[in-house]
Amino acid sequence: MRRATFNWPSEARLKTTEPGCGGAPLGNLLAAIPDDVAQATLEAASGASMRWFDTSPLYGPGLSETRFGRCLCAKPRDGVILSTKVGRLLEDCGPDQAMPDKSVDEPNRCFVYDYGYDGVMRSFEASLD
């Protein structure tokens, strides 16, 4: 497994905006949101000069992260701060095995929790995908 390393200059500081854009609703939390509406929401947040975006693999098991990725991959990397959660891996599974969630129209995925170093790095890499 490739290990991520970060060499931040000592003077590097994250400068974010307040408020940020939270991704739970974009994972279809409590109601299905069409992809075009989700993308328009993210574009509007970006257009309003928001720089901080927060998501998680648990939001609509991966749907929120996927939607954020589609929008933010076209943005200058130094213009966005993206936060997510680690130690939570997703695996495809059948509908009878999927963990119950409050999301609507979500993919059938099971959660595997691994807060060890390798699990954290795997979840980090999965979030980048």
Protein backbone atom coordinates (compact mmCIF):
# COMPACT_ATOMS: atom_id res chain seq x y z
CA MET A 1 0.00 0.00 0.00
CA ARG A 2 1.26 3.46 -0.89
CA ARG A 3 1.72 5.67 2.16
CA ALA A 4 0.75 9.31 1.86
CA THR A 5 3.27 11.84 3.08
CA PHE A 6 2.76 15.54 3.44
CA ASN A 7 5.54 18.09 3.51
CA TRP A 8 3.79 21.28 4.54
CA PRO A 9 5.95 24.37 4.82
CA SER A 10 6.09 25.55 8.41
CA GLU A 11 4.38 28.80 7.42
CA ALA A 12 1.45 27.00 5.73
CA ARG A 13 -1.90 27.85 7.28
CA LEU A 14 -5.34 26.78 6.24
CA LYS A 15 -7.60 29.73 5.62
CA THR A 16 -11.22 28.76 5.44
CA THR A 17 -14.55 30.46 5.24
CA GLU A 18 -17.36 30.54 7.71
CA PRO A 19 -19.86 29.14 7.01
CA GLY A 20 -18.90 26.06 5.04
CA CYS A 21 -20.96 23.77 2.86
CA GLY A 22 -22.05 20.55 4.59
CA GLY A 23 -22.62 17.42 2.56
CA ALA A 24 -25.10 15.29 4.53
CA PRO A 25 -28.13 16.56 2.57
CA LEU A 26 -26.26 15.96 -0.69
CA GLY A 27 -26.04 12.30 0.32
CA ASN A 28 -29.85 12.22 0.06
CA LEU A 29 -30.36 12.55 3.81
CA LEU A 30 -34.12 12.23 4.43
CA ALA A 31 -34.98 13.11 0.80
CA ALA A 32 -33.62 12.31 -2.64
CA ILE A 33 -31.88 15.21 -4.36
CA PRO A 34 -31.32 14.94 -8.13
CA ASP A 35 -27.69 15.08 -9.26
CA ASP A 36 -28.22 18.32 -11.19
CA VAL A 37 -29.65 20.01 -8.07
CA ALA A 38 -26.74 18.74 -5.96
CA GLN A 39 -24.24 20.08 -8.49
CA ALA A 40 -26.04 23.42 -8.70
CA THR A 41 -25.95 23.64 -4.90
CA LEU A 42 -22.20 23.06 -4.80
CA GLU A 43 -21.62 25.52 -7.64
CA ALA A 44 -23.72 28.14 -5.83
CA ALA A 45 -21.68 27.62 -2.63
CA SER A 46 -18.45 27.94 -4.59
CA GLY A 47 -19.81 30.97 -6.45
CA ALA A 48 -20.65 32.58 -3.11
CA SER A 49 -16.94 32.32 -2.24
CA MET A 50 -17.28 29.41 0.17
CA ARG A 51 -14.00 27.54 0.39
CA TRP A 52 -14.75 24.96 3.10
CA PHE A 53 -16.66 21.85 2.08
CA ASP A 54 -17.42 19.00 4.50
CA THR A 55 -18.50 15.49 3.55
CA SER A 56 -18.21 11.88 4.70
CA PRO A 57 -18.32 8.38 3.26
CA LEU A 58 -21.29 7.82 5.58
CA TYR A 59 -23.42 10.49 3.89
CA GLY A 60 -25.60 8.42 1.54
CA PRO A 61 -22.92 5.73 1.64
CA GLY A 62 -20.44 7.54 -0.61
CA LEU A 63 -22.95 9.56 -2.62
CA SER A 64 -22.06 12.89 -1.00
CA GLU A 65 -18.32 12.37 -1.55
CA THR A 66 -18.97 11.41 -5.18
CA ARG A 67 -21.01 14.55 -5.77
CA PHE A 68 -18.42 16.77 -4.09
CA GLY A 69 -15.69 15.17 -6.17
CA ARG A 70 -17.51 15.85 -9.44
CA CYS A 71 -17.85 19.54 -8.63
CA LEU A 72 -14.61 20.27 -6.80
CA CYS A 73 -12.23 18.43 -9.13
CA ALA A 74 -12.60 21.33 -11.57
CA LYS A 75 -11.74 23.96 -8.94
CA PRO A 76 -8.21 25.21 -8.20
CA ARG A 77 -6.87 22.94 -5.48
CA ASP A 78 -5.53 25.81 -3.39
CA GLY A 79 -8.97 27.44 -3.44
CA VAL A 80 -10.80 24.64 -1.60
CA ILE A 81 -10.59 23.05 1.83
CA LEU A 82 -12.30 19.68 1.87
CA SER A 83 -12.90 17.81 5.11
CA THR A 84 -14.13 14.24 5.38
CA LYS A 85 -14.02 11.41 7.90
CA VAL A 86 -11.55 8.52 8.10
CA GLY A 87 -11.65 4.98 9.41
CA ARG A 88 -14.95 4.24 7.70
CA LEU A 89 -14.68 2.05 4.63
CA LEU A 90 -17.49 1.19 2.22
CA GLU A 91 -18.01 -2.18 0.58
CA ASP A 92 -20.69 -3.02 -1.98
CA CYS A 93 -23.23 -5.51 -0.69
CA GLY A 94 -26.77 -6.75 -1.25
CA PRO A 95 -29.79 -4.75 -0.08
CA ASP A 96 -30.41 -7.24 2.75
CA GLN A 97 -26.88 -6.62 4.10
CA ALA A 98 -26.77 -2.83 3.78
CA MET A 99 -26.69 -0.96 7.05
CA PRO A 100 -29.83 1.06 7.74
CA ASP A 101 -29.40 4.73 7.01
CA LYS A 102 -31.62 7.78 6.79
CA SER A 103 -30.61 8.40 3.20
CA VAL A 104 -32.95 7.82 0.29
CA ASP A 105 -32.08 6.07 -3.00
CA GLU A 106 -28.58 5.25 -1.82
CA PRO A 107 -26.21 2.59 -3.14
CA ASN A 108 -26.21 -0.74 -1.27
CA ARG A 109 -23.05 -0.55 0.78
CA CYS A 110 -21.86 -1.95 4.10
CA PHE A 111 -19.66 -0.01 6.48
CA VAL A 112 -16.41 -1.43 7.77
CA TYR A 113 -14.87 0.54 10.63
CA ASP A 114 -11.09 0.46 10.88
CA TYR A 115 -9.38 3.21 12.87
CA GLY A 116 -5.95 1.61 12.66
CA TYR A 117 -3.28 3.23 10.52
CA ASP A 118 -3.97 1.04 7.46
CA GLY A 119 -7.74 1.54 7.74
CA VAL A 120 -7.36 5.30 8.03
CA MET A 121 -5.09 5.38 4.98
CA ARG A 122 -7.45 3.14 2.97
CA SER A 123 -10.40 5.38 3.81
CA PHE A 124 -8.34 8.46 2.92
CA GLU A 125 -7.49 6.94 -0.49
CA ALA A 126 -11.12 5.88 -1.04
CA SER A 127 -12.29 9.42 -0.28
CA LEU A 128 -9.86 10.79 -2.85
CA ASP A 129 -11.40 8.47 -5.44
